[in-house]
Amino acid sequence: MSDGAITAEFLRGIPLTQPSEDGDKDQRGRVLVIAGSVCVPGAALLAATAALRAGAGKLQIATCRSIAMHLGLAVPEALVVGLPETSSGEIDPGSATLLRERVERSNAVLIGPGMLDEAAAAALTADLLDCDPGSAFVLDAGALGRLKGMSAVLARHEGRIVITPHAGEMAGLLGIDKRDVLASPAEIAGQTARRLNSIVALKGACTYIASPDGSIWTYDDGNVGLATSGSGDTLAGIVAGLLARGVAPLQAAQWGVYLHGEAGNRLAQTRGPLGFLARELLAEIPGLMAGFHHV
């Protein structure tokens, strides 16, 4: 059983806070996206752009040094930080010391998209989470690897962490078979949320959003076209952007999953149910949010 379905009617009851008319970009928060690798630089681009589309005011991207300038040109709105990289073209896990001050100055931090070396990504994530609580975090893909053994560290963040695994990543996180996750997704999401004191968005044809307090919400109005390369990076970026604006973690996950799904529905109508691209989801987000303020 879930506590409810995430629909437009439900979200109208938990509206997004709006910046004042005379507010500047600082009022909408700072987001730091730590993502990408030499093989998958586009994941950082998708996630970072999604954070801006969700309304974040300031954006920083931290990625491998050899691709930093290219990302800076592709996302001219961002400050891009080049980090040491491994011989395989991944962010060096020892980069935590270079990032700590930027993490502490950010309202929201996203770690994981496009980081293919799961051991390196997990090590970097563990070091960055071992900091003074304050920033909200979104953890995706490779960043999820060591969380099972970090309950005490995660508890210090007092629920200000959102994790966004698909079934395979959840299975890897917990050390269980993917089939077990698919057989009991609501229960797995709920148990993991309580264990990690984090919001869990377990992605799939039906996405389950679980809170440490035991509440579980579902969204199943998306379409098959969302199962495309980069789609998860876009979702993680939307959630991070909302967190930067000051939206509470559970609400950010609920809104993020809905906006991502409805962007796919719009593209399915205008492009067709298959073949639209993850990057095309991005331009749909502002209009979807604005629609809630004109009803």
Protein backbone atom coordinates (compact mmCIF):
# COMPACT_ATOMS: atom_id res chain seq x y z
CA MET A 1 0.00 0.00 0.00
CA SER A 2 1.14 3.56 -0.68
CA ASP A 3 0.12 6.82 0.91
CA GLY A 4 -1.03 8.13 -2.44
CA ALA A 5 -0.41 8.79 -6.10
CA ILE A 6 1.53 11.82 -7.26
CA THR A 7 -0.83 13.74 -9.51
CA ALA A 8 -1.30 17.36 -10.53
CA GLU A 9 -4.11 17.64 -7.99
CA PHE A 10 -1.86 16.33 -5.22
CA LEU A 11 0.96 18.74 -6.12
CA ARG A 12 -1.37 21.73 -6.06
CA GLY A 13 -1.70 20.97 -2.36
CA ILE A 14 2.08 21.27 -1.86
CA PRO A 15 2.95 24.20 -4.15
CA LEU A 16 6.52 25.14 -4.86
CA THR A 17 7.71 28.24 -3.07
CA GLN A 18 8.20 31.13 -5.48
CA PRO A 19 10.99 33.72 -5.33
CA SER A 20 9.94 37.32 -4.81
CA GLU A 21 9.58 39.46 -7.91
CA ASP A 22 12.63 41.53 -6.96
CA GLY A 23 14.72 38.52 -5.83
CA ASP A 24 18.11 37.86 -7.43
CA LYS A 25 19.70 34.55 -8.41
CA ASP A 26 21.12 34.04 -4.91
CA GLN A 27 17.56 33.76 -3.61
CA ARG A 28 17.01 30.70 -5.81
CA GLY A 29 20.01 28.88 -4.41
CA ARG A 30 23.33 27.39 -5.48
CA VAL A 31 23.64 23.91 -6.91
CA LEU A 32 26.88 21.97 -7.36
CA VAL A 33 26.86 19.07 -9.83
CA ILE A 34 29.74 16.61 -9.41
CA ALA A 35 29.45 14.37 -12.43
CA GLY A 36 30.75 13.08 -15.71
CA SER A 37 33.74 11.17 -17.04
CA VAL A 38 35.80 11.29 -20.20
CA CYS A 39 33.55 8.61 -21.71
CA VAL A 40 30.26 10.16 -20.55
CA PRO A 41 30.65 13.95 -20.32
CA GLY A 42 27.07 14.47 -21.45
CA ALA A 43 25.63 13.17 -18.18
CA ALA A 44 27.03 16.20 -16.37
CA LEU A 45 25.59 18.49 -19.04
CA LEU A 46 22.12 16.96 -18.78
CA ALA A 47 22.01 16.97 -14.98
CA ALA A 48 23.39 20.49 -14.65
CA THR A 49 21.05 21.97 -17.25
CA ALA A 50 18.11 20.23 -15.60
CA ALA A 51 18.98 21.91 -12.29
CA LEU A 52 18.77 25.32 -13.97
CA ARG A 53 15.53 24.42 -15.73
CA ALA A 54 14.06 23.53 -12.33
CA GLY A 55 14.81 27.07 -11.18
CA ALA A 56 18.16 26.99 -9.38
CA GLY A 57 19.84 30.39 -9.38
CA LYS A 58 23.54 29.54 -9.57
CA LEU A 59 25.23 26.47 -11.03
CA GLN A 60 28.67 24.96 -10.61
CA ILE A 61 29.86 21.79 -12.34
CA ALA A 62 32.83 19.79 -11.06
CA THR A 63 34.15 17.24 -13.53
CA CYS A 64 37.29 15.74 -15.06
CA ARG A 65 39.86 18.36 -15.94
CA SER A 66 40.22 17.25 -19.56
CA ILE A 67 36.53 17.83 -20.33
CA ALA A 68 35.93 20.85 -18.09
CA MET A 69 36.47 23.50 -20.76
CA HIS A 70 34.18 21.69 -23.19
CA LEU A 71 31.41 21.56 -20.59
CA GLY A 72 31.97 25.23 -19.83
CA LEU A 73 31.30 26.05 -23.47
CA ALA A 74 28.30 23.70 -23.63
CA VAL A 75 26.78 25.17 -20.44
CA PRO A 76 27.85 28.83 -20.49
CA GLU A 77 25.62 29.56 -17.50
CA ALA A 78 27.85 27.45 -15.23
CA LEU A 79 31.12 27.89 -13.40
CA VAL A 80 33.05 24.73 -14.25
CA VAL A 81 35.75 23.25 -12.02
CA GLY A 82 38.30 20.84 -13.52
CA LEU A 83 39.32 18.06 -11.14
CA PRO A 84 42.21 15.58 -11.22
CA GLU A 85 41.28 12.46 -13.13
CA THR A 86 42.29 8.83 -13.06
CA SER A 87 44.04 7.01 -15.88
CA SER A 88 40.67 5.61 -16.94
CA GLY A 89 39.16 9.09 -17.30
CA GLU A 90 37.16 9.29 -14.07
CA ILE A 91 37.10 11.97 -11.38
CA ASP A 92 39.91 11.13 -8.96
CA PRO A 93 38.33 10.05 -5.63
CA GLY A 94 40.98 12.09 -3.83
CA SER A 95 39.28 15.27 -5.11
CA ALA A 96 37.12 15.57 -2.00
CA THR A 97 39.53 18.02 -0.35
CA LEU A 98 39.28 20.30 -3.41
CA LEU A 99 35.48 20.20 -3.31
CA ARG A 100 34.67 20.45 0.38
CA GLU A 101 34.44 24.26 0.53
CA ARG A 102 32.26 24.34 -2.59
CA VAL A 103 29.99 21.69 -1.08
CA GLU A 104 29.60 23.67 2.12
CA ARG A 105 28.71 26.84 0.17
CA SER A 106 26.06 25.09 -1.94
CA ASN A 107 22.40 24.67 -1.09
CA ALA A 108 22.23 21.40 -3.03
CA VAL A 109 24.87 18.96 -4.28
CA LEU A 110 24.32 16.27 -6.90
CA ILE A 111 26.86 13.45 -7.17
CA GLY A 112 27.01 10.53 -9.58
CA PRO A 113 25.70 11.00 -13.13
CA GLY A 114 28.13 9.70 -15.73
CA MET A 115 30.67 8.43 -13.19
CA LEU A 116 31.34 4.92 -14.50
CA ASP A 117 33.94 3.76 -11.98
CA GLU A 118 31.59 2.87 -9.15
CA ALA A 119 34.37 2.29 -6.62
CA ALA A 120 35.91 5.71 -7.29
CA ALA A 121 32.51 7.45 -7.26
CA ALA A 122 31.50 5.73 -4.02
CA ALA A 123 34.78 6.67 -2.33
CA LEU A 124 34.43 10.32 -3.34
CA THR A 125 30.81 10.36 -2.17
CA ALA A 126 31.70 8.86 1.21
CA ASP A 127 34.35 11.52 1.78
CA LEU A 128 32.04 14.37 0.80
CA LEU A 129 29.17 13.14 2.98
CA ASP A 130 31.49 13.08 5.99
CA CYS A 131 31.08 16.84 6.38
CA ASP A 132 29.15 19.25 8.55
CA PRO A 133 25.42 18.92 7.72
CA GLY A 134 23.82 21.77 5.85
CA SER A 135 23.71 21.17 2.11
CA ALA A 136 21.06 18.89 0.65
CA PHE A 137 22.37 16.00 -1.48
CA VAL A 138 21.08 14.02 -4.45
CA LEU A 139 22.96 10.75 -4.97
CA ASP A 140 22.62 8.90 -8.25
CA ALA A 141 24.26 6.05 -10.15
CA GLY A 142 27.86 5.43 -9.04
CA ALA A 143 27.46 7.55 -5.92
CA LEU A 144 25.19 4.92 -4.36
CA GLY A 145 27.74 2.13 -3.93
CA ARG A 146 28.81 2.47 -0.29
CA LEU A 147 25.65 3.87 1.27
CA LYS A 148 24.58 0.58 2.86
CA GLY A 149 27.42 0.84 5.38
CA MET A 150 27.07 4.56 6.03
CA SER A 151 23.91 4.72 8.13
CA ALA A 152 25.56 6.72 10.93
CA VAL A 153 27.02 9.31 8.54
CA LEU A 154 23.75 9.64 6.64
CA ALA A 155 21.78 10.07 9.87
CA ARG A 156 23.78 13.22 10.62
CA HIS A 157 22.28 14.83 7.53
CA GLU A 158 18.82 14.60 9.11
CA GLY A 159 16.95 13.39 6.04
CA ARG A 160 18.37 16.00 3.63
CA ILE A 161 19.49 13.34 1.15
CA VAL A 162 17.58 12.03 -1.87
CA ILE A 163 18.77 8.89 -3.64
CA THR A 164 17.53 8.01 -7.12
CA PRO A 165 18.37 4.38 -7.99
CA HIS A 166 16.76 2.20 -10.60
CA ALA A 167 16.13 -1.44 -9.67
CA GLY A 168 19.61 -2.63 -10.68
CA GLU A 169 21.33 0.12 -8.69
CA MET A 170 19.13 -0.58 -5.68
CA ALA A 171 20.05 -4.25 -5.87
CA GLY A 172 23.73 -3.35 -5.96
CA LEU A 173 23.35 -0.93 -3.05
CA LEU A 174 21.68 -3.58 -0.87
CA GLY A 175 23.64 -6.60 -2.11
CA ILE A 176 20.52 -8.45 -3.26
CA ASP A 177 19.19 -9.76 -6.56
CA LYS A 178 17.49 -7.32 -8.91
CA ARG A 179 14.55 -9.70 -9.13
CA ASP A 180 13.95 -9.25 -5.41
CA VAL A 181 13.74 -5.48 -5.89
CA LEU A 182 11.31 -5.86 -8.78
CA ALA A 183 9.18 -8.28 -6.76
CA SER A 184 8.73 -5.91 -3.78
CA PRO A 185 9.62 -2.37 -4.85
CA ALA A 186 7.48 -0.52 -2.30
CA GLU A 187 8.82 -2.58 0.61
CA ILE A 188 12.42 -2.27 -0.57
CA ALA A 189 12.11 1.49 -1.05
CA GLY A 190 10.54 1.91 2.38
CA GLN A 191 13.10 -0.22 4.19
CA THR A 192 15.97 1.60 2.48
CA ALA A 193 14.56 5.04 3.30
CA ARG A 194 14.35 4.11 6.98
CA ARG A 195 17.76 2.45 7.05
CA LEU A 196 19.55 5.34 5.33
CA ASN A 197 17.41 8.14 6.79
CA SER A 198 17.01 9.42 3.24
CA ILE A 199 14.31 10.00 0.66
CA VAL A 200 14.32 7.16 -1.86
CA ALA A 201 13.02 7.54 -5.41
CA LEU A 202 13.12 3.99 -6.80
CA LYS A 203 12.76 4.54 -10.53
CA GLY A 204 10.80 2.30 -12.87
CA ALA A 205 7.61 2.10 -14.91
CA CYS A 206 6.07 2.91 -11.53
CA THR A 207 8.38 5.06 -9.40
CA TYR A 208 8.17 4.62 -5.63
CA ILE A 209 9.10 7.55 -3.40
CA ALA A 210 9.69 6.56 0.22
CA SER A 211 10.37 8.69 3.27
CA PRO A 212 12.12 7.62 6.50
CA ASP A 213 8.82 8.15 8.35
CA GLY A 214 7.29 5.23 6.44
CA SER A 215 5.22 7.13 3.89
CA ILE A 216 5.34 5.86 0.31
CA TRP A 217 4.13 7.65 -2.81
CA THR A 218 3.84 6.44 -6.38
CA TYR A 219 3.99 7.91 -9.86
CA ASP A 220 3.03 5.65 -12.78
CA ASP A 221 1.73 8.09 -15.39
CA GLY A 222 4.94 8.27 -17.43
CA ASN A 223 5.57 6.52 -20.73
CA VAL A 224 7.99 4.03 -22.24
CA GLY A 225 9.89 6.77 -24.06
CA LEU A 226 11.42 7.88 -20.75
CA ALA A 227 13.46 4.68 -20.71
CA THR A 228 16.23 6.31 -22.73
CA SER A 229 19.88 7.19 -22.21
CA GLY A 230 20.33 10.20 -19.96
CA SER A 231 16.78 10.24 -18.63
CA GLY A 232 17.91 9.44 -15.07
CA ASP A 233 20.55 12.19 -15.19
CA THR A 234 17.80 14.65 -16.07
CA LEU A 235 15.62 13.53 -13.15
CA ALA A 236 18.48 13.81 -10.67
CA GLY A 237 19.23 17.33 -11.91
CA ILE A 238 15.61 18.45 -11.56
CA VAL A 239 15.51 17.24 -7.96
CA ALA A 240 18.80 18.99 -7.20
CA GLY A 241 17.53 22.24 -8.70
CA LEU A 242 14.40 22.12 -6.58
CA LEU A 243 16.44 21.41 -3.45
CA ALA A 244 18.64 24.42 -4.22
CA ARG A 245 15.50 26.57 -4.26
CA GLY A 246 14.74 25.46 -0.72
CA VAL A 247 12.14 22.80 -1.48
CA ALA A 248 12.03 20.09 1.20
CA PRO A 249 13.58 16.75 0.15
CA LEU A 250 10.36 14.71 0.01
CA GLN A 251 8.57 17.47 -1.88
CA ALA A 252 11.54 17.89 -4.25
CA ALA A 253 11.44 14.17 -5.07
CA GLN A 254 7.67 14.21 -5.59
CA TRP A 255 7.75 17.27 -7.82
CA GLY A 256 10.88 16.10 -9.63
CA VAL A 257 9.45 12.70 -10.54
CA TYR A 258 6.20 14.28 -11.70
CA LEU A 259 7.85 17.01 -13.81
CA HIS A 260 10.19 14.45 -15.40
CA GLY A 261 7.32 12.11 -16.22
CA GLU A 262 5.02 14.81 -17.54
CA ALA A 263 7.82 16.24 -19.70
CA GLY A 264 8.03 12.80 -21.29
CA ASN A 265 4.26 12.75 -21.80
CA ARG A 266 4.38 16.10 -23.59
CA LEU A 267 7.15 14.90 -25.87
CA ALA A 268 5.27 11.66 -26.55
CA GLN A 269 2.40 13.76 -27.86
CA THR A 270 4.51 16.11 -29.97
CA ARG A 271 7.38 13.80 -31.08
CA GLY A 272 5.89 10.35 -30.73
CA PRO A 273 6.04 7.77 -27.92
CA LEU A 274 9.53 6.56 -28.83
CA GLY A 275 12.62 8.37 -30.03
CA PHE A 276 12.57 11.63 -28.10
CA LEU A 277 15.82 12.46 -26.34
CA ALA A 278 16.65 13.07 -22.69
CA ARG A 279 17.94 16.54 -23.55
CA GLU A 280 14.55 17.41 -25.06
CA LEU A 281 12.92 16.89 -21.67
CA LEU A 282 14.77 19.93 -20.31
CA ALA A 283 12.90 22.67 -22.16
CA GLU A 284 9.54 21.28 -21.01
CA ILE A 285 10.22 21.78 -17.29
CA PRO A 286 9.71 25.57 -16.91
CA GLY A 287 6.39 25.49 -18.74
CA LEU A 288 5.14 22.59 -16.65
CA MET A 289 5.99 24.44 -13.43
CA ALA A 290 4.44 27.67 -14.70
CA GLY A 291 1.22 25.83 -15.51
CA PHE A 292 0.60 25.30 -11.79
CA HIS A 293 0.53 29.07 -11.24
CA HIS A 294 -2.07 29.80 -13.89
CA VAL A 295 -4.91 27.54 -12.78
